[in-house]
C-alpha atoms as a PDB file:
ATOM      1  CA  UNK A   1      -8.800  81.955  -6.497  1.00  0.00           C
ATOM      2  CA  UNK A   2     -10.518  83.137  -9.678  1.00  0.00           C
ATOM      3  CA  UNK A   3      -7.790  85.704 -10.233  1.00  0.00           C
ATOM      4  CA  UNK A   4      -5.140  83.008  -9.763  1.00  0.00           C
ATOM      5  CA  UNK A   5      -6.735  80.661 -12.286  1.00  0.00           C
ATOM      6  CA  UNK A   6      -7.209  83.487 -14.811  1.00  0.00           C
ATOM      7  CA  UNK A   7      -3.586  84.481 -14.414  1.00  0.00           C
ATOM      8  CA  UNK A   8      -2.414  80.866 -14.869  1.00  0.00           C
ATOM      9  CA  UNK A   9      -4.451  80.428 -18.038  1.00  0.00           C
ATOM     10  CA  UNK A  10      -3.266  83.756 -19.393  1.00  0.00           C
ATOM     11  CA  UNK A  11       0.351  82.871 -18.664  1.00  0.00           C
ATOM     12  CA  UNK A  12       0.104  79.526 -20.470  1.00  0.00           C
ATOM     13  CA  UNK A  13      -1.747  81.115 -23.384  1.00  0.00           C
ATOM     14  CA  UNK A  14       1.020  83.627 -23.843  1.00  0.00           C
ATOM     15  CA  UNK A  15       3.547  80.791 -23.670  1.00  0.00           C
ATOM     16  CA  UNK A  16       1.708  78.855 -26.362  1.00  0.00           C
ATOM     17  CA  UNK A  17       1.541  81.912 -28.589  1.00  0.00           C
ATOM     18  CA  UNK A  18       5.269  82.403 -28.158  1.00  0.00           C
ATOM     19  CA  UNK A  19       5.942  78.762 -29.026  1.00  0.00           C
ATOM     20  CA  UNK A  20       3.855  78.988 -32.193  1.00  0.00           C
ATOM     21  CA  UNK A  21       5.632  82.180 -33.157  1.00  0.00           C
ATOM     22  CA  UNK A  22       9.020  80.525 -32.630  1.00  0.00           C
ATOM     23  CA  UNK A  23       8.001  77.544 -34.761  1.00  0.00           C
ATOM     24  CA  UNK A  24       6.918  79.859 -37.553  1.00  0.00           C
ATOM     25  CA  UNK A  25      10.255  81.670 -37.420  1.00  0.00           C
ATOM     26  CA  UNK A  26      12.108  78.355 -37.714  1.00  0.00           C
ATOM     27  CA  UNK A  27       9.908  76.638 -40.284  1.00  0.00           C
ATOM     28  CA  UNK A  28       8.979  79.409 -42.721  1.00  0.00           C
ATOM     29  CA  UNK A  29      12.538  79.772 -44.126  1.00  0.00           C
ATOM     30  CA  UNK A  30      12.568  76.017 -44.737  1.00  0.00           C
ATOM     31  CA  UNK A  31       9.379  76.095 -46.779  1.00  0.00           C
ATOM     32  CA  UNK A  32      10.953  77.280 -50.085  1.00  0.00           C
ATOM     33  CA  UNK A  33      13.675  74.642 -49.884  1.00  0.00           C
ATOM     34  CA  UNK A  34      11.121  71.930 -49.196  1.00  0.00           C
ATOM     35  CA  UNK A  35       8.991  73.142 -52.080  1.00  0.00           C
ATOM     36  CA  UNK A  36      12.041  73.188 -54.358  1.00  0.00           C
ATOM     37  CA  UNK A  37      12.940  69.631 -53.389  1.00  0.00           C
ATOM     38  CA  UNK A  38       9.429  68.446 -54.179  1.00  0.00           C
ATOM     39  CA  UNK A  39       9.090  70.205 -57.550  1.00  0.00           C
ATOM     40  CA  UNK A  40      12.630  70.128 -59.006  1.00  0.00           C
ATOM     41  CA  UNK A  41      13.087  69.628 -61.863  1.00  0.00           C
ATOM     42  CA  UNK A  42       9.903  70.943 -63.438  1.00  0.00           C
ATOM     43  CA  UNK A  43      11.455  71.685 -66.841  1.00  0.00           C
ATOM     44  CA  UNK A  44      14.406  70.720 -69.015  1.00  0.00           C
ATOM     45  CA  UNK A  45      17.972  71.248 -67.757  1.00  0.00           C
ATOM     46  CA  UNK A  46      20.706  72.939 -69.802  1.00  0.00           C
ATOM     47  CA  UNK A  47      24.084  71.196 -69.647  1.00  0.00           C
ATOM     48  CA  UNK A  48      26.929  73.336 -70.987  1.00  0.00           C
ATOM     49  CA  UNK A  49      29.820  71.377 -72.535  1.00  0.00           C
ATOM     50  CA  UNK A  50      33.001  73.385 -73.278  1.00  0.00           C
ATOM     51  CA  UNK A  51      33.941  71.327 -76.358  1.00  0.00           C
ATOM     52  CA  UNK A  52      32.506  70.562 -79.768  1.00  0.00           C
ATOM     53  CA  UNK A  53      30.016  67.808 -80.535  1.00  0.00           C
ATOM     54  CA  UNK A  54      31.733  64.546 -81.403  1.00  0.00           C
ATOM     55  CA  UNK A  55      34.703  64.913 -79.070  1.00  0.00           C
ATOM     56  CA  UNK A  56      35.539  62.769 -76.051  1.00  0.00           C
ATOM     57  CA  UNK A  57      34.209  65.183 -73.437  1.00  0.00           C
ATOM     58  CA  UNK A  58      31.017  65.706 -75.409  1.00  0.00           C
ATOM     59  CA  UNK A  59      30.519  61.939 -75.742  1.00  0.00           C
ATOM     60  CA  UNK A  60      30.895  61.453 -71.989  1.00  0.00           C
ATOM     61  CA  UNK A  61      28.530  64.329 -71.271  1.00  0.00           C
ATOM     62  CA  UNK A  62      25.858  62.870 -73.537  1.00  0.00           C
ATOM     63  CA  UNK A  63      26.089  59.504 -71.828  1.00  0.00           C
ATOM     64  CA  UNK A  64      25.685  61.057 -68.384  1.00  0.00           C
ATOM     65  CA  UNK A  65      22.876  63.344 -69.599  1.00  0.00           C
ATOM     66  CA  UNK A  66      20.942  60.398 -71.012  1.00  0.00           C
ATOM     67  CA  UNK A  67      21.308  58.508 -67.738  1.00  0.00           C
ATOM     68  CA  UNK A  68      20.209  61.501 -65.662  1.00  0.00           C
ATOM     69  CA  UNK A  69      17.136  62.044 -67.842  1.00  0.00           C
ATOM     70  CA  UNK A  70      15.865  58.613 -66.849  1.00  0.00           C
ATOM     71  CA  UNK A  71      16.216  59.478 -63.167  1.00  0.00           C
ATOM     72  CA  UNK A  72      14.973  63.075 -63.217  1.00  0.00           C
ATOM     73  CA  UNK A  73      12.121  62.653 -65.692  1.00  0.00           C
ATOM     74  CA  UNK A  74      13.171  65.780 -67.589  1.00  0.00           C
ATOM     75  CA  UNK A  75      15.329  66.420 -70.639  1.00  0.00           C
ATOM     76  CA  UNK A  76      18.997  67.299 -70.101  1.00  0.00           C
ATOM     77  CA  UNK A  77      19.879  69.365 -73.157  1.00  0.00           C
ATOM     78  CA  UNK A  78      23.534  69.595 -74.240  1.00  0.00           C
ATOM     79  CA  UNK A  79      24.790  73.032 -75.298  1.00  0.00           C
ATOM     80  CA  UNK A  80      28.270  72.912 -76.848  1.00  0.00           C
ATOM     81  CA  UNK A  81      30.504  75.987 -76.431  1.00  0.00           C
ATOM     82  CA  UNK A  82      33.844  75.028 -78.029  1.00  0.00           C
ATOM     83  CA  UNK A  83      35.647  78.374 -77.930  1.00  0.00           C
ATOM     84  CA  UNK A  84      38.561  80.030 -76.124  1.00  0.00           C
ATOM     85  CA  UNK A  85      39.772  76.879 -74.302  1.00  0.00           C
ATOM     86  CA  UNK A  86      36.476  76.692 -72.448  1.00  0.00           C
ATOM     87  CA  UNK A  87      36.529  80.274 -71.143  1.00  0.00           C
ATOM     88  CA  UNK A  88      33.200  81.177 -72.770  1.00  0.00           C
ATOM     89  CA  UNK A  89      31.513  78.044 -71.449  1.00  0.00           C
ATOM     90  CA  UNK A  90      32.919  78.426 -67.947  1.00  0.00           C
ATOM     91  CA  UNK A  91      32.035  82.115 -67.737  1.00  0.00           C
ATOM     92  CA  UNK A  92      28.526  81.522 -69.068  1.00  0.00           C
ATOM     93  CA  UNK A  93      27.880  78.771 -66.531  1.00  0.00           C
ATOM     94  CA  UNK A  94      29.266  80.828 -63.646  1.00  0.00           C
ATOM     95  CA  UNK A  95      26.911  83.727 -64.426  1.00  0.00           C
ATOM     96  CA  UNK A  96      23.805  81.600 -65.077  1.00  0.00           C
ATOM     97  CA  UNK A  97      20.845  81.702 -62.662  1.00  0.00           C
ATOM     98  CA  UNK A  98      21.519  79.550 -59.597  1.00  0.00           C
ATOM     99  CA  UNK A  99      18.303  77.563 -59.917  1.00  0.00           C
ATOM    100  CA  UNK A 100      19.545  74.134 -60.974  1.00  0.00           C
ATOM    101  CA  UNK A 101      18.507  74.527 -64.604  1.00  0.00           C
ATOM    102  CA  UNK A 102      21.961  75.400 -65.935  1.00  0.00           C
ATOM    103  CA  UNK A 103      24.810  72.985 -65.211  1.00  0.00           C
ATOM    104  CA  UNK A 104      28.385  72.692 -66.454  1.00  0.00           C
ATOM    105  CA  UNK A 105      30.092  69.497 -67.541  1.00  0.00           C
ATOM    106  CA  UNK A 106      33.413  70.608 -66.085  1.00  0.00           C
ATOM    107  CA  UNK A 107      36.652  69.074 -67.398  1.00  0.00           C
ATOM    108  CA  UNK A 108      40.166  69.474 -66.024  1.00  0.00           C
ATOM    109  CA  UNK A 109      40.573  72.585 -68.173  1.00  0.00           C
ATOM    110  CA  UNK A 110      38.224  74.404 -65.781  1.00  0.00           C
ATOM    111  CA  UNK A 111      41.234  74.405 -63.452  1.00  0.00           C
ATOM    112  CA  UNK A 112      44.006  74.547 -66.062  1.00  0.00           C
ATOM    113  CA  UNK A 113      42.679  77.547 -67.987  1.00  0.00           C
ATOM    114  CA  UNK A 114      42.460  79.585 -64.794  1.00  0.00           C
ATOM    115  CA  UNK A 115      46.051  78.641 -63.966  1.00  0.00           C
ATOM    116  CA  UNK A 116      47.221  79.822 -67.385  1.00  0.00           C
ATOM    117  CA  UNK A 117      44.957  82.836 -67.888  1.00  0.00           C
ATOM    118  CA  UNK A 118      44.589  85.234 -64.980  1.00  0.00           C
ATOM    119  CA  UNK A 119      41.886  87.342 -66.673  1.00  0.00           C
ATOM    120  CA  UNK A 120      39.188  84.669 -67.056  1.00  0.00           C
ATOM    121  CA  UNK A 121      35.672  85.704 -65.942  1.00  0.00           C
ATOM    122  CA  UNK A 122      35.257  82.923 -63.374  1.00  0.00           C
ATOM    123  CA  UNK A 123      36.891  81.345 -60.344  1.00  0.00           C
ATOM    124  CA  UNK A 124      36.766  77.523 -60.470  1.00  0.00           C
ATOM    125  CA  UNK A 125      36.735  77.181 -56.680  1.00  0.00           C
ATOM    126  CA  UNK A 126      34.433  80.038 -55.693  1.00  0.00           C
ATOM    127  CA  UNK A 127      31.941  80.492 -58.550  1.00  0.00           C
ATOM    128  CA  UNK A 128      30.524  76.963 -58.679  1.00  0.00           C
ATOM    129  CA  UNK A 129      28.769  74.427 -56.479  1.00  0.00           C
ATOM    130  CA  UNK A 130      30.471  71.009 -56.876  1.00  0.00           C
ATOM    131  CA  UNK A 131      28.008  68.190 -57.564  1.00  0.00           C
ATOM    132  CA  UNK A 132      30.101  65.099 -58.353  1.00  0.00           C
ATOM    133  CA  UNK A 133      33.130  63.743 -60.137  1.00  0.00           C
ATOM    134  CA  UNK A 134      31.940  61.763 -63.174  1.00  0.00           C
ATOM    135  CA  UNK A 135      34.655  60.327 -65.395  1.00  0.00           C
ATOM    136  CA  UNK A 136      38.401  59.891 -65.702  1.00  0.00           C
ATOM    137  CA  UNK A 137      40.085  59.417 -69.090  1.00  0.00           C
ATOM    138  CA  UNK A 138      43.555  58.557 -70.237  1.00  0.00           C
ATOM    139  CA  UNK A 139      44.987  60.164 -73.346  1.00  0.00           C
ATOM    140  CA  UNK A 140      46.755  58.271 -76.115  1.00  0.00           C
ATOM    141  CA  UNK A 141      49.643  59.681 -78.158  1.00  0.00           C
ATOM    142  CA  UNK A 142      48.183  59.310 -81.632  1.00  0.00           C
ATOM    143  CA  UNK A 143      50.102  59.882 -84.876  1.00  0.00           C
ATOM    144  CA  UNK A 144      49.205  60.260 -88.561  1.00  0.00           C
ATOM    145  CA  UNK A 145      49.294  57.086 -90.674  1.00  0.00           C
ATOM    146  CA  UNK A 146      52.381  57.893 -92.764  1.00  0.00           C
ATOM    147  CA  UNK A 147      54.619  59.030 -89.905  1.00  0.00           C
ATOM    148  CA  UNK A 148      57.382  56.386 -89.791  1.00  0.00           C
ATOM    149  CA  UNK A 149      57.448  56.136 -85.990  1.00  0.00           C
ATOM    150  CA  UNK A 150      55.988  52.829 -84.791  1.00  0.00           C
ATOM    151  CA  UNK A 151      56.598  53.488 -81.081  1.00  0.00           C
ATOM    152  CA  UNK A 152      57.441  56.294 -78.646  1.00  0.00           C
ATOM    153  CA  UNK A 153      61.198  55.735 -78.890  1.00  0.00           C
ATOM    154  CA  UNK A 154      61.155  56.118 -82.678  1.00  0.00           C
ATOM    155  CA  UNK A 155      58.950  59.196 -82.421  1.00  0.00           C
ATOM    156  CA  UNK A 156      61.368  60.865 -80.014  1.00  0.00           C
ATOM    157  CA  UNK A 157      64.305  60.048 -82.308  1.00  0.00           C
ATOM    158  CA  UNK A 158      62.534  61.609 -85.309  1.00  0.00           C
ATOM    159  CA  UNK A 159      61.551  64.678 -83.284  1.00  0.00           C
ATOM    160  CA  UNK A 160      65.148  65.206 -82.166  1.00  0.00           C
ATOM    161  CA  UNK A 161      66.525  64.832 -85.693  1.00  0.00           C
ATOM    162  CA  UNK A 162      63.855  67.118 -87.143  1.00  0.00           C
ATOM    163  CA  UNK A 163      63.913  69.712 -84.387  1.00  0.00           C
ATOM    164  CA  UNK A 164      60.853  71.966 -84.568  1.00  0.00           C
ATOM    165  CA  UNK A 165      59.554  70.398 -87.776  1.00  0.00           C
ATOM    166  CA  UNK A 166      57.000  67.951 -86.381  1.00  0.00           C
ATOM    167  CA  UNK A 167      53.590  69.332 -85.388  1.00  0.00           C
ATOM    168  CA  UNK A 168      50.916  68.478 -82.867  1.00  0.00           C
ATOM    169  CA  UNK A 169      47.239  69.440 -82.756  1.00  0.00           C
ATOM    170  CA  UNK A 170      45.779  71.361 -79.836  1.00  0.00           C
ATOM    171  CA  UNK A 171      42.347  72.733 -78.952  1.00  0.00           C
ATOM    172  CA  UNK A 172      43.826  76.017 -77.766  1.00  0.00           C
ATOM    173  CA  UNK A 173      46.065  77.339 -75.034  1.00  0.00           C
ATOM    174  CA  UNK A 174      45.208  75.580 -71.782  1.00  0.00           C
ATOM    175  CA  UNK A 175      43.220  72.733 -73.294  1.00  0.00           C
ATOM    176  CA  UNK A 176      43.980  69.163 -72.280  1.00  0.00           C
ATOM    177  CA  UNK A 177      45.747  68.240 -75.550  1.00  0.00           C
ATOM    178  CA  UNK A 178      47.873  71.385 -75.352  1.00  0.00           C
ATOM    179  CA  UNK A 179      49.022  70.944 -71.768  1.00  0.00           C
ATOM    180  CA  UNK A 180      49.564  67.211 -72.121  1.00  0.00           C
ATOM    181  CA  UNK A 181      51.814  67.667 -75.145  1.00  0.00           C
ATOM    182  CA  UNK A 182      53.778  70.443 -73.473  1.00  0.00           C
ATOM    183  CA  UNK A 183      54.364  68.136 -70.516  1.00  0.00           C
ATOM    184  CA  UNK A 184      55.391  65.326 -72.866  1.00  0.00           C
ATOM    185  CA  UNK A 185      57.761  67.596 -74.793  1.00  0.00           C
ATOM    186  CA  UNK A 186      59.498  68.683 -71.609  1.00  0.00           C
ATOM    187  CA  UNK A 187      59.768  65.131 -70.266  1.00  0.00           C
ATOM    188  CA  UNK A 188      61.058  63.758 -73.601  1.00  0.00           C
ATOM    189  CA  UNK A 189      63.318  66.703 -74.403  1.00  0.00           C
ATOM    190  CA  UNK A 190      61.859  67.362 -77.860  1.00  0.00           C
ATOM    191  CA  UNK A 191      60.696  70.412 -79.810  1.00  0.00           C
ATOM    192  CA  UNK A 192      57.325  69.919 -81.558  1.00  0.00           C
ATOM    193  CA  UNK A 193      55.286  72.847 -82.899  1.00  0.00           C
ATOM    194  CA  UNK A 194      51.666  73.374 -81.917  1.00  0.00           C
ATOM    195  CA  UNK A 195      48.870  73.771 -84.476  1.00  0.00           C
ATOM    196  CA  UNK A 196      45.720  75.190 -82.818  1.00  0.00           C
ATOM    197  CA  UNK A 197      42.270  73.922 -83.758  1.00  0.00           C
ATOM    198  CA  UNK A 198      38.773  74.914 -82.713  1.00  0.00           C
ATOM    199  CA  UNK A 199      37.076  71.504 -82.815  1.00  0.00           C
ATOM    200  CA  UNK A 200      38.192  67.902 -82.384  1.00  0.00           C
ATOM    201  CA  UNK A 201      36.664  66.351 -85.566  1.00  0.00           C
ATOM    202  CA  UNK A 202      38.732  68.691 -87.760  1.00  0.00           C
ATOM    203  CA  UNK A 203      41.898  67.485 -86.030  1.00  0.00           C
ATOM    204  CA  UNK A 204      41.207  63.866 -86.932  1.00  0.00           C
ATOM    205  CA  UNK A 205      40.351  64.804 -90.505  1.00  0.00           C
ATOM    206  CA  UNK A 206      43.698  66.588 -90.847  1.00  0.00           C
ATOM    207  CA  UNK A 207      45.673  63.833 -89.103  1.00  0.00           C
ATOM    208  CA  UNK A 208      44.231  61.151 -91.361  1.00  0.00           C
ATOM    209  CA  UNK A 209      45.065  63.388 -94.347  1.00  0.00           C
ATOM    210  CA  UNK A 210      48.674  63.796 -93.071  1.00  0.00           C
ATOM    211  CA  UNK A 211      48.317  67.539 -92.484  1.00  0.00           C
ATOM    212  CA  UNK A 212      49.292  67.404 -88.787  1.00  0.00           C
ATOM    213  CA  UNK A 213      51.614  64.837 -87.207  1.00  0.00           C
ATOM    214  CA  UNK A 214      50.209  63.921 -83.811  1.00  0.00           C
ATOM    215  CA  UNK A 215      47.952  64.609 -80.856  1.00  0.00           C
ATOM    216  CA  UNK A 216      47.707  63.471 -77.263  1.00  0.00           C
ATOM    217  CA  UNK A 217      44.021  62.689 -77.635  1.00  0.00           C
ATOM    218  CA  UNK A 218      41.483  61.653 -75.046  1.00  0.00           C
ATOM    219  CA  UNK A 219      40.847  57.924 -75.309  1.00  0.00           C
ATOM    220  CA  UNK A 220      37.130  57.925 -76.251  1.00  0.00           C
ATOM    221  CA  UNK A 221      37.625  60.132 -79.311  1.00  0.00           C
ATOM    222  CA  UNK A 222      40.857  58.490 -80.492  1.00  0.00           C
ATOM    223  CA  UNK A 223      39.863  54.830 -80.128  1.00  0.00           C
ATOM    224  CA  UNK A 224      37.578  54.525 -83.186  1.00  0.00           C
ATOM    225  CA  UNK A 225      40.313  55.888 -85.476  1.00  0.00           C
ATOM    226  CA  UNK A 226      42.990  53.670 -83.915  1.00  0.00           C
ATOM    227  CA  UNK A 227      40.829  50.544 -84.122  1.00  0.00           C
ATOM    228  CA  UNK A 228      39.997  51.351 -87.744  1.00  0.00           C
ATOM    229  CA  UNK A 229      43.778  51.628 -88.360  1.00  0.00           C
ATOM    230  CA  UNK A 230      43.385  55.130 -89.746  1.00  0.00           C
ATOM    231  CA  UNK A 231      45.722  56.422 -87.013  1.00  0.00           C
ATOM    232  CA  UNK A 232      48.308  54.791 -84.740  1.00  0.00           C
ATOM    233  CA  UNK A 233      48.320  54.912 -80.975  1.00  0.00           C
ATOM    234  CA  UNK A 234      51.898  54.806 -79.659  1.00  0.00           C
ATOM    235  CA  UNK A 235      51.417  55.147 -75.918  1.00  0.00           C
ATOM    236  CA  UNK A 236      48.821  55.908 -73.243  1.00  0.00           C
ATOM    237  CA  UNK A 237      49.228  58.677 -70.713  1.00  0.00           C
ATOM    238  CA  UNK A 238      48.176  57.001 -67.477  1.00  0.00           C
ATOM    239  CA  UNK A 239      50.185  55.161 -64.877  1.00  0.00           C
ATOM    240  CA  UNK A 240      48.785  51.816 -66.106  1.00  0.00           C
ATOM    241  CA  UNK A 241      47.829  50.394 -69.494  1.00  0.00           C
ATOM    242  CA  UNK A 242      44.263  50.879 -70.607  1.00  0.00           C
ATOM    243  CA  UNK A 243      41.976  47.828 -70.938  1.00  0.00           C
ATOM    244  CA  UNK A 244      40.785  49.436 -74.179  1.00  0.00           C
ATOM    245  CA  UNK A 245      44.335  49.234 -75.642  1.00  0.00           C
ATOM    246  CA  UNK A 246      46.012  46.460 -73.661  1.00  0.00           C
ATOM    247  CA  UNK A 247      48.881  46.044 -76.143  1.00  0.00           C
ATOM    248  CA  UNK A 248      49.756  49.739 -76.132  1.00  0.00           C
ATOM    249  CA  UNK A 249      52.379  50.609 -73.505  1.00  0.00           C
ATOM    250  CA  UNK A 250      52.186  53.561 -71.180  1.00  0.00           C
ATOM    251  CA  UNK A 251      54.468  56.447 -72.082  1.00  0.00           C
ATOM    252  CA  UNK A 252      56.222  55.911 -68.774  1.00  0.00           C
ATOM    253  CA  UNK A 253      57.092  52.340 -69.797  1.00  0.00           C
ATOM    254  CA  UNK A 254      59.292  53.810 -72.538  1.00  0.00           C
ATOM    255  CA  UNK A 255      61.441  55.573 -69.941  1.00  0.00           C
ATOM    256  CA  UNK A 256      59.835  59.027 -70.188  1.00  0.00           C
ATOM    257  CA  UNK A 257      58.719  60.284 -66.762  1.00  0.00           C
ATOM    258  CA  UNK A 258      55.217  61.205 -67.717  1.00  0.00           C
ATOM    259  CA  UNK A 259      51.883  59.935 -66.396  1.00  0.00           C
ATOM    260  CA  UNK A 260      48.663  61.897 -66.280  1.00  0.00           C
ATOM    261  CA  UNK A 261      44.930  61.422 -66.813  1.00  0.00           C
ATOM    262  CA  UNK A 262      42.083  63.870 -67.065  1.00  0.00           C
ATOM    263  CA  UNK A 263      38.677  64.038 -65.422  1.00  0.00           C
ATOM    264  CA  UNK A 264      35.277  65.646 -65.840  1.00  0.00           C
ATOM    265  CA  UNK A 265      32.643  66.435 -63.240  1.00  0.00           C
ATOM    266  CA  UNK A 266      29.356  68.218 -62.761  1.00  0.00           C
ATOM    267  CA  UNK A 267      29.012  71.689 -61.214  1.00  0.00           C
ATOM    268  CA  UNK A 268      26.279  74.317 -60.857  1.00  0.00           C
ATOM    269  CA  UNK A 269      26.441  78.100 -60.430  1.00  0.00           C
ATOM    270  CA  UNK A 270      27.302  79.304 -56.936  1.00  0.00           C
ATOM    271  CA  UNK A 271      24.222  79.695 -54.766  1.00  0.00           C
ATOM    272  CA  UNK A 272      22.239  76.820 -56.262  1.00  0.00           C
ATOM    273  CA  UNK A 273      20.024  75.494 -53.424  1.00  0.00           C
ATOM    274  CA  UNK A 274      21.570  72.651 -51.473  1.00  0.00           C
ATOM    275  CA  UNK A 275      18.535  70.375 -51.896  1.00  0.00           C
ATOM    276  CA  UNK A 276      18.879  70.764 -55.677  1.00  0.00           C
ATOM    277  CA  UNK A 277      22.585  69.890 -55.478  1.00  0.00           C
ATOM    278  CA  UNK A 278      21.737  66.780 -53.454  1.00  0.00           C
ATOM    279  CA  UNK A 279      19.077  65.791 -55.989  1.00  0.00           C
ATOM    280  CA  UNK A 280      21.505  66.234 -58.890  1.00  0.00           C
ATOM    281  CA  UNK A 281      24.254  64.309 -57.105  1.00  0.00           C
ATOM    282  CA  UNK A 282      21.885  61.389 -56.562  1.00  0.00           C
ATOM    283  CA  UNK A 283      20.693  61.460 -60.181  1.00  0.00           C
ATOM    284  CA  UNK A 284      24.245  61.590 -61.545  1.00  0.00           C
ATOM    285  CA  UNK A 285      25.425  58.693 -59.395  1.00  0.00           C
ATOM    286  CA  UNK A 286      22.459  56.608 -60.543  1.00  0.00           C
ATOM    287  CA  UNK A 287      23.245  57.549 -64.155  1.00  0.00           C
ATOM    288  CA  UNK A 288      26.766  56.169 -63.772  1.00  0.00           C
ATOM    289  CA  UNK A 289      25.232  52.809 -62.849  1.00  0.00           C
ATOM    290  CA  UNK A 290      23.067  52.744 -65.975  1.00  0.00           C
ATOM    291  CA  UNK A 291      23.963  49.693 -68.117  1.00  0.00           C
ATOM    292  CA  UNK A 292      24.183  51.826 -71.254  1.00  0.00           C
ATOM    293  CA  UNK A 293      26.583  54.275 -69.616  1.00  0.00           C
ATOM    294  CA  UNK A 294      28.718  51.419 -68.280  1.00  0.00           C
ATOM    295  CA  UNK A 295      28.850  49.781 -71.716  1.00  0.00           C
ATOM    296  CA  UNK A 296      29.929  53.049 -73.341  1.00  0.00           C
ATOM    297  CA  UNK A 297      32.688  53.564 -70.763  1.00  0.00           C
ATOM    298  CA  UNK A 298      34.019  50.051 -71.279  1.00  0.00           C
ATOM    299  CA  UNK A 299      34.154  50.434 -75.060  1.00  0.00           C
ATOM    300  CA  UNK A 300      35.526  53.976 -74.942  1.00  0.00           C
ATOM    301  CA  UNK A 301      38.330  53.360 -72.490  1.00  0.00           C
ATOM    302  CA  UNK A 302      36.843  55.755 -69.927  1.00  0.00           C
ATOM    303  CA  UNK A 303      36.417  55.105 -66.218  1.00  0.00           C
ATOM    304  CA  UNK A 304      33.155  56.337 -64.726  1.00  0.00           C
ATOM    305  CA  UNK A 305      33.548  57.600 -61.157  1.00  0.00           C
ATOM    306  CA  UNK A 306      31.155  59.197 -58.728  1.00  0.00           C
ATOM    307  CA  UNK A 307      31.750  61.133 -55.535  1.00  0.00           C
ATOM    308  CA  UNK A 308      30.064  63.083 -52.794  1.00  0.00           C
ATOM    309  CA  UNK A 309      29.736  66.832 -53.204  1.00  0.00           C
ATOM    310  CA  UNK A 310      32.255  67.299 -50.396  1.00  0.00           C
ATOM    311  CA  UNK A 311      34.657  64.849 -52.009  1.00  0.00           C
ATOM    312  CA  UNK A 312      34.439  66.620 -55.360  1.00  0.00           C
ATOM    313  CA  UNK A 313      35.018  69.993 -53.704  1.00  0.00           C
ATOM    314  CA  UNK A 314      38.236  68.641 -52.189  1.00  0.00           C
ATOM    315  CA  UNK A 315      39.212  67.145 -55.535  1.00  0.00           C
ATOM    316  CA  UNK A 316      38.866  70.562 -57.174  1.00  0.00           C
ATOM    317  CA  UNK A 317      41.034  72.185 -54.508  1.00  0.00           C
ATOM    318  CA  UNK A 318      43.709  69.505 -54.877  1.00  0.00           C
ATOM    319  CA  UNK A 319      43.657  69.756 -58.663  1.00  0.00           C
ATOM    320  CA  UNK A 320      43.911  73.530 -58.522  1.00  0.00           C
ATOM    321  CA  UNK A 321      47.089  73.290 -56.450  1.00  0.00           C
ATOM    322  CA  UNK A 322      48.557  70.563 -58.690  1.00  0.00           C
ATOM    323  CA  UNK A 323      47.884  72.189 -62.067  1.00  0.00           C
ATOM    324  CA  UNK A 324      48.783  75.696 -60.946  1.00  0.00           C
ATOM    325  CA  UNK A 325      52.222  74.399 -59.980  1.00  0.00           C
ATOM    326  CA  UNK A 326      52.611  72.400 -63.212  1.00  0.00           C
ATOM    327  CA  UNK A 327      51.625  75.376 -65.362  1.00  0.00           C
ATOM    328  CA  UNK A 328      54.141  77.545 -63.508  1.00  0.00           C
ATOM    329  CA  UNK A 329      56.857  74.888 -63.903  1.00  0.00           C
ATOM    330  CA  UNK A 330      56.171  74.690 -67.644  1.00  0.00           C
ATOM    331  CA  UNK A 331      56.208  78.462 -67.964  1.00  0.00           C
ATOM    332  CA  UNK A 332      52.841  78.566 -69.719  1.00  0.00           C
ATOM    333  CA  UNK A 333      50.868  81.804 -69.817  1.00  0.00           C
ATOM    334  CA  UNK A 334      48.335  83.468 -72.067  1.00  0.00           C
ATOM    335  CA  UNK A 335      48.776  86.910 -70.464  1.00  0.00           C
END
């Protein structure tokens, strides 16, 4: 009887030891993630923006950063990298430590530049962790003050009469203004020469001074100049008129089969812990609801949009397929 009881106790003791060991195996790997969730962020966050300060994308990024700071309790510091159509910014973000302290404010050119340039040091679908879609923006076809065209029809007529003589400003091969104008040129059947620039403010300075004829500019950066009557907005790029310019027709309304808008979202380097991604998604979505961010979007003609991480991942895949085909159809290549 004594032997039986001793054996029973020993058997259960071994079973308990095994259970505790199994729990340790399961729970120990979860400990770092739990600790990360509780302590992140413990310092300021670097937000890389692939355009110059003062441009539309930069303005949107600063609004979102300010909103996220309120939620996270840490500074979100903007770092502008306006070179090589975003390649430097995208490559830098892709190679940054995957700890949640370096993020990329990713515009449509993250996809477009890869479609145009095969040698870029990043893969937009495989080198980043999608966090959320943030903003969609229409562009507005903006012209210098002394250009005689008062609408899209007149602009097309002038461009056809002065074949190859009119110019448009671009931020480099693969940038939004470049691709949008190439699409417009093809749809309208006109020949307009590109003038490359490094930063957006210089473009507006030269347009106002009549040194370059036009630009398909993102709405937030173009609006102040249009409202001040320093430049003229002839048509917006989206499928519907913008509430910010309700009297300005869409380009499609003029009979040109062209309608496109651009977006920006938030991504982190591949391998960033999932709990950090979830935390950033939540903070970004709350930032979009901030009254100050909403007021900026309304005045700037931007539309703030949030998404799940899964939804943004699908958006990136869809956009990659769409823009890769469009770039191929337009015959654009930097290689």
